[in-house]
């Protein structure tokens, strides 16, 4: 009960999902983690051949994993996923449907205990320049980087069940883990931590109102959480070009191993690791 697959930011690209499914069928991992941005991005949604994102989830994604579960039977892995900031809340019915069938579990703001390990999920990211705000929150304060749109503005597909004006990522992480033993915890988070090798964006030289944009776009709250709480493993995505710019997809913060599986190429970026030995993780492009 140790072998893990981790992918993120597949953005509805059918070839990536098919590669993940084939690799899962052959290698039979114990756990598969999918780190958000599940559905087609507007820029590639036409290539997926579906009229909208909900059709992709219900007519492609759910049937493919349902078939995989039937084929693998008892060897079918535990699959944990979270939405990402590009996933519209009103298009995620397939997540609930799949969970009812035992195909996967939505780990966002939840904890699942497996033996000595505790798996947590967190979807929200700090404010971005993008209009969709379903999965965005203030980070540690109401400060917003130049060029970004506050979570209280932009568009939402559903009314939030929290206060977008005052809730923060920092507050969420504190509430999720207060009193918890994180010695053998794994966190599936869409955003990477701030100012590291995993959150480097291609913003060099860009200015907003004569202010240079930061080339790091991760979460300060997640950075502080990792530094202070020292979880065992953290899994991230969100920043596609970071690996290309820094040459690094993993980084160690004290006792914590952190991986970013996002990729700005057409291939599937698959991170394979053992729960008991995360330092020997490898990244494969398929």
Protein backbone atom coordinates (compact mmCIF):
# COMPACT_ATOMS: atom_id res chain seq x y z
CA UNK A 1 0.00 0.00 0.00
CA UNK A 2 2.61 2.52 -1.08
CA UNK A 3 2.80 3.24 -4.80
CA UNK A 4 1.29 6.59 -5.82
CA UNK A 5 0.57 8.37 -9.10
CA UNK A 6 0.16 12.15 -9.09
CA UNK A 7 -1.04 14.33 -11.97
CA UNK A 8 -2.45 17.83 -12.16
CA UNK A 9 -3.80 20.41 -14.61
CA UNK A 10 -4.94 17.96 -17.27
CA UNK A 11 -7.48 20.58 -18.46
CA UNK A 12 -9.73 18.11 -20.22
CA UNK A 13 -7.08 16.89 -22.64
CA UNK A 14 -8.31 13.43 -23.54
CA UNK A 15 -4.85 12.18 -24.54
CA UNK A 16 -3.53 12.96 -21.06
CA UNK A 17 -6.40 11.16 -19.36
CA UNK A 18 -6.03 8.16 -21.66
CA UNK A 19 -2.30 8.00 -20.83
CA UNK A 20 -3.09 8.10 -17.11
CA UNK A 21 -5.71 5.37 -17.45
CA UNK A 22 -3.41 3.09 -19.47
CA UNK A 23 -0.54 3.58 -17.03
CA UNK A 24 -2.84 2.90 -14.08
CA UNK A 25 -4.18 -0.29 -15.66
CA UNK A 26 -0.67 -1.62 -16.33
CA UNK A 27 1.22 -0.56 -13.19
CA UNK A 28 -1.61 -0.84 -10.64
CA UNK A 29 -0.71 1.94 -8.20
CA UNK A 30 -2.32 1.90 -4.78
CA UNK A 31 -3.29 5.58 -4.93
CA UNK A 32 -3.90 8.12 -7.70
CA UNK A 33 -3.99 11.84 -6.87
CA UNK A 34 -5.42 14.36 -9.38
CA UNK A 35 -4.61 17.92 -8.38
CA UNK A 36 -7.25 20.11 -10.01
CA UNK A 37 -8.08 21.83 -13.31
CA UNK A 38 -9.84 18.69 -14.40
CA UNK A 39 -12.10 20.00 -17.17
CA UNK A 40 -11.38 21.54 -20.58
CA UNK A 41 -9.94 25.03 -20.66
CA UNK A 42 -11.73 27.40 -23.02
CA UNK A 43 -8.66 27.45 -25.23
CA UNK A 44 -8.71 23.68 -25.81
CA UNK A 45 -12.34 22.80 -25.15
CA UNK A 46 -13.14 22.68 -28.85
CA UNK A 47 -10.38 20.10 -29.34
CA UNK A 48 -12.05 17.90 -26.76
CA UNK A 49 -15.12 17.63 -29.02
CA UNK A 50 -17.66 18.42 -26.32
CA UNK A 51 -20.15 21.28 -26.35
CA UNK A 52 -19.47 22.18 -22.72
CA UNK A 53 -17.40 21.14 -19.75
CA UNK A 54 -20.20 19.23 -18.04
CA UNK A 55 -20.56 17.02 -21.13
CA UNK A 56 -16.84 16.25 -20.94
CA UNK A 57 -17.13 15.17 -17.30
CA UNK A 58 -20.28 13.10 -17.65
CA UNK A 59 -19.76 11.69 -21.16
CA UNK A 60 -15.99 11.12 -21.23
CA UNK A 61 -14.29 11.29 -17.85
CA UNK A 62 -16.77 9.41 -15.70
CA UNK A 63 -17.36 6.55 -18.21
CA UNK A 64 -13.60 6.08 -18.77
CA UNK A 65 -12.88 5.68 -15.06
CA UNK A 66 -15.98 3.58 -14.56
CA UNK A 67 -14.68 1.18 -17.22
CA UNK A 68 -11.22 1.18 -15.62
CA UNK A 69 -12.77 0.24 -12.27
CA UNK A 70 -14.62 -2.66 -13.89
CA UNK A 71 -11.46 -3.89 -15.64
CA UNK A 72 -9.18 -3.66 -12.60
CA UNK A 73 -11.73 -4.96 -10.10
CA UNK A 74 -9.98 -5.44 -6.73
CA UNK A 75 -6.76 -3.89 -8.08
CA UNK A 76 -8.50 -0.55 -8.71
CA UNK A 77 -6.64 2.19 -6.81
CA UNK A 78 -8.02 4.71 -4.38
CA UNK A 79 -8.40 7.86 -6.47
CA UNK A 80 -8.44 11.29 -4.81
CA UNK A 81 -9.09 14.48 -6.71
CA UNK A 82 -9.79 18.17 -6.15
CA UNK A 83 -11.13 20.90 -8.46
CA UNK A 84 -8.82 23.70 -9.58
CA UNK A 85 -9.32 27.40 -10.24
CA UNK A 86 -10.17 26.72 -13.91
CA UNK A 87 -13.02 24.33 -13.02
CA UNK A 88 -16.48 25.89 -12.85
CA UNK A 89 -18.42 24.76 -9.78
CA UNK A 90 -21.62 24.43 -11.79
CA UNK A 91 -19.93 21.93 -14.14
CA UNK A 92 -18.72 19.44 -11.53
CA UNK A 93 -21.70 17.10 -11.19
CA UNK A 94 -19.51 14.25 -12.40
CA UNK A 95 -17.38 14.51 -9.24
CA UNK A 96 -20.38 13.84 -7.01
CA UNK A 97 -21.67 11.13 -9.34
CA UNK A 98 -18.31 9.36 -9.40
CA UNK A 99 -17.96 9.53 -5.65
CA UNK A 100 -21.36 7.86 -5.19
CA UNK A 101 -20.12 4.99 -7.39
CA UNK A 102 -16.85 4.64 -5.48
CA UNK A 103 -14.80 5.75 -8.49
CA UNK A 104 -13.00 8.58 -6.70
CA UNK A 105 -13.22 10.87 -3.69
CA UNK A 106 -13.31 14.65 -3.76
CA UNK A 107 -10.70 15.49 -1.12
CA UNK A 108 -11.24 19.26 -1.04
CA UNK A 109 -11.47 20.48 2.60
CA UNK A 110 -11.61 16.86 3.77
CA UNK A 111 -9.34 14.29 5.37
CA UNK A 112 -9.11 10.58 4.60
CA UNK A 113 -7.17 8.27 6.93
CA UNK A 114 -5.37 5.30 5.35
CA UNK A 115 -3.34 3.34 7.88
CA UNK A 116 -0.86 5.75 9.48
CA UNK A 117 -1.32 8.29 6.66
CA UNK A 118 -3.75 11.20 6.55
CA UNK A 119 -4.71 12.61 3.13
CA UNK A 120 -6.03 16.19 2.91
CA UNK A 121 -7.21 18.26 -0.05
CA UNK A 122 -7.38 21.98 -0.75
CA UNK A 123 -8.53 23.58 -4.03
CA UNK A 124 -8.38 27.33 -3.46
CA UNK A 125 -5.68 29.56 -4.94
CA UNK A 126 -4.73 33.20 -4.27
CA UNK A 127 -6.24 35.89 -6.53
CA UNK A 128 -5.31 35.59 -10.22
CA UNK A 129 -5.80 37.86 -13.25
CA UNK A 130 -8.58 35.52 -14.44
CA UNK A 131 -12.29 36.32 -14.10
CA UNK A 132 -13.54 32.98 -12.73
CA UNK A 133 -13.48 33.16 -8.91
CA UNK A 134 -15.19 29.91 -7.86
CA UNK A 135 -11.92 28.57 -6.38
CA UNK A 136 -10.09 31.75 -5.41
CA UNK A 137 -9.71 33.31 -1.96
CA UNK A 138 -7.61 35.99 -0.38
CA UNK A 139 -4.31 34.48 0.72
CA UNK A 140 -3.24 35.83 4.13
CA UNK A 141 -4.82 39.29 3.89
CA UNK A 142 -6.93 41.39 1.55
CA UNK A 143 -3.85 42.40 -0.43
CA UNK A 144 -4.02 41.56 -4.13
CA UNK A 145 -0.97 41.53 -6.42
CA UNK A 146 -0.88 44.09 -9.26
CA UNK A 147 -2.73 42.77 -12.29
CA UNK A 148 -4.87 40.33 -10.27
CA UNK A 149 -8.62 40.55 -9.68
CA UNK A 150 -9.92 40.32 -6.07
CA UNK A 151 -12.09 37.31 -5.16
CA UNK A 152 -14.95 39.72 -4.41
CA UNK A 153 -15.01 40.74 -8.07
CA UNK A 154 -14.94 38.66 -11.24
CA UNK A 155 -17.45 35.88 -11.95
CA UNK A 156 -18.87 32.97 -9.95
CA UNK A 157 -21.05 30.14 -11.20
CA UNK A 158 -22.49 29.41 -7.74
CA UNK A 159 -23.07 31.44 -4.59
CA UNK A 160 -20.23 30.65 -2.14
CA UNK A 161 -21.02 29.08 1.24
CA UNK A 162 -18.39 31.32 2.90
CA UNK A 163 -17.65 35.05 3.06
CA UNK A 164 -15.43 35.87 0.05
CA UNK A 165 -14.66 39.28 1.50
CA UNK A 166 -13.01 37.98 4.67
CA UNK A 167 -12.22 34.28 4.31
CA UNK A 168 -8.60 33.44 3.54
CA UNK A 169 -6.52 30.44 2.57
CA UNK A 170 -4.60 30.89 5.81
CA UNK A 171 -7.80 30.62 7.87
CA UNK A 172 -8.94 27.52 5.95
CA UNK A 173 -5.70 25.64 6.51
CA UNK A 174 -5.77 26.43 10.22
CA UNK A 175 -9.35 25.18 10.57
CA UNK A 176 -8.64 22.06 8.50
CA UNK A 177 -5.68 20.94 10.59
CA UNK A 178 -6.12 22.29 14.13
CA UNK A 179 -5.22 19.56 16.61
CA UNK A 180 -4.24 17.13 13.83
CA UNK A 181 -1.04 15.06 13.79
CA UNK A 182 0.59 15.93 10.45
CA UNK A 183 3.65 13.70 10.82
CA UNK A 184 2.41 11.36 8.08
CA UNK A 185 0.08 13.76 6.28
CA UNK A 186 -0.21 14.25 2.53
CA UNK A 187 -1.79 17.43 1.16
CA UNK A 188 -3.26 17.58 -2.34
CA UNK A 189 -3.28 21.34 -3.08
CA UNK A 190 -3.89 23.10 -6.35
CA UNK A 191 -1.68 26.10 -5.51
CA UNK A 192 2.04 25.67 -4.82
CA UNK A 193 3.76 27.52 -1.98
CA UNK A 194 5.03 31.02 -2.65
CA UNK A 195 8.54 32.00 -3.79
CA UNK A 196 10.06 28.61 -4.49
CA UNK A 197 11.00 26.43 -7.45
CA UNK A 198 7.41 25.26 -7.89
CA UNK A 199 5.55 28.55 -8.43
CA UNK A 200 7.71 30.41 -10.98
CA UNK A 201 5.55 32.15 -13.59
CA UNK A 202 6.57 33.58 -16.97
CA UNK A 203 6.04 37.22 -15.93
CA UNK A 204 9.56 38.61 -16.32
CA UNK A 205 9.50 42.28 -17.22
CA UNK A 206 5.72 42.64 -17.14
CA UNK A 207 4.40 45.81 -15.51
CA UNK A 208 0.98 46.83 -14.19
CA UNK A 209 0.53 50.55 -13.47
CA UNK A 210 4.31 50.91 -13.55
CA UNK A 211 4.66 48.19 -10.89
CA UNK A 212 6.63 45.04 -11.82
CA UNK A 213 4.65 41.83 -11.47
CA UNK A 214 6.07 39.17 -9.15
CA UNK A 215 7.45 36.16 -10.99
CA UNK A 216 6.25 33.90 -8.15
CA UNK A 217 2.50 33.31 -7.94
CA UNK A 218 2.09 30.63 -5.25
CA UNK A 219 0.36 30.99 -1.90
CA UNK A 220 2.05 32.71 1.04
CA UNK A 221 -0.40 30.92 3.37
CA UNK A 222 0.62 27.53 1.97
CA UNK A 223 4.30 28.48 2.21
CA UNK A 224 3.90 29.43 5.88
CA UNK A 225 1.79 26.34 6.55
CA UNK A 226 4.48 24.02 5.16
CA UNK A 227 7.26 25.82 7.02
CA UNK A 228 5.47 25.79 10.38
CA UNK A 229 3.49 22.50 10.29
CA UNK A 230 5.98 20.39 8.29
CA UNK A 231 3.53 17.98 6.63
CA UNK A 232 5.06 14.81 5.20
CA UNK A 233 4.23 15.34 1.50
CA UNK A 234 2.50 18.14 -0.42
CA UNK A 235 1.29 17.84 -4.02
CA UNK A 236 0.72 20.91 -6.21
CA UNK A 237 -0.09 22.15 -9.73
CA UNK A 238 -1.50 25.45 -11.06
CA UNK A 239 1.73 26.97 -12.48
CA UNK A 240 2.31 25.11 -15.73
CA UNK A 241 5.60 26.71 -16.78
CA UNK A 242 7.40 26.51 -13.44
CA UNK A 243 9.29 23.30 -14.22
CA UNK A 244 10.44 24.68 -17.58
CA UNK A 245 11.68 27.92 -15.98
CA UNK A 246 13.38 26.51 -12.87
CA UNK A 247 14.26 22.99 -13.99
CA UNK A 248 12.74 21.68 -10.76
CA UNK A 249 9.47 19.84 -10.10
CA UNK A 250 10.22 18.86 -6.50
CA UNK A 251 11.59 20.71 -3.50
CA UNK A 252 12.25 19.90 0.13
CA UNK A 253 11.18 22.28 2.90
CA UNK A 254 12.67 20.91 6.12
CA UNK A 255 11.00 17.52 6.55
CA UNK A 256 8.42 18.16 3.81
CA UNK A 257 8.70 16.88 0.25
CA UNK A 258 6.71 18.98 -2.25
CA UNK A 259 5.99 18.07 -5.89
CA UNK A 260 4.44 20.05 -8.76
CA UNK A 261 2.96 17.97 -11.61
CA UNK A 262 1.73 20.85 -13.81
CA UNK A 263 3.22 20.88 -17.31
CA UNK A 264 3.03 23.32 -20.23
CA UNK A 265 3.62 20.70 -22.91
CA UNK A 266 1.12 18.37 -24.55
CA UNK A 267 2.31 15.25 -22.70
CA UNK A 268 1.01 13.86 -19.44
CA UNK A 269 3.34 14.79 -16.58
CA UNK A 270 3.16 11.86 -14.18
CA UNK A 271 4.90 11.86 -10.81
CA UNK A 272 5.42 8.40 -9.35
CA UNK A 273 6.41 8.01 -5.71
CA UNK A 274 6.27 5.64 -2.78
CA UNK A 275 4.56 6.84 0.38
CA UNK A 276 7.28 5.37 2.56
CA UNK A 277 10.11 6.84 0.44
CA UNK A 278 9.05 10.13 -1.24
CA UNK A 279 12.61 11.32 -1.84
CA UNK A 280 12.93 8.80 -4.67
CA UNK A 281 10.00 10.21 -6.62
CA UNK A 282 10.35 10.39 -10.41
CA UNK A 283 8.65 12.49 -13.09
CA UNK A 284 7.68 10.85 -16.37
CA UNK A 285 6.38 12.55 -19.52
CA UNK A 286 4.00 10.30 -21.46
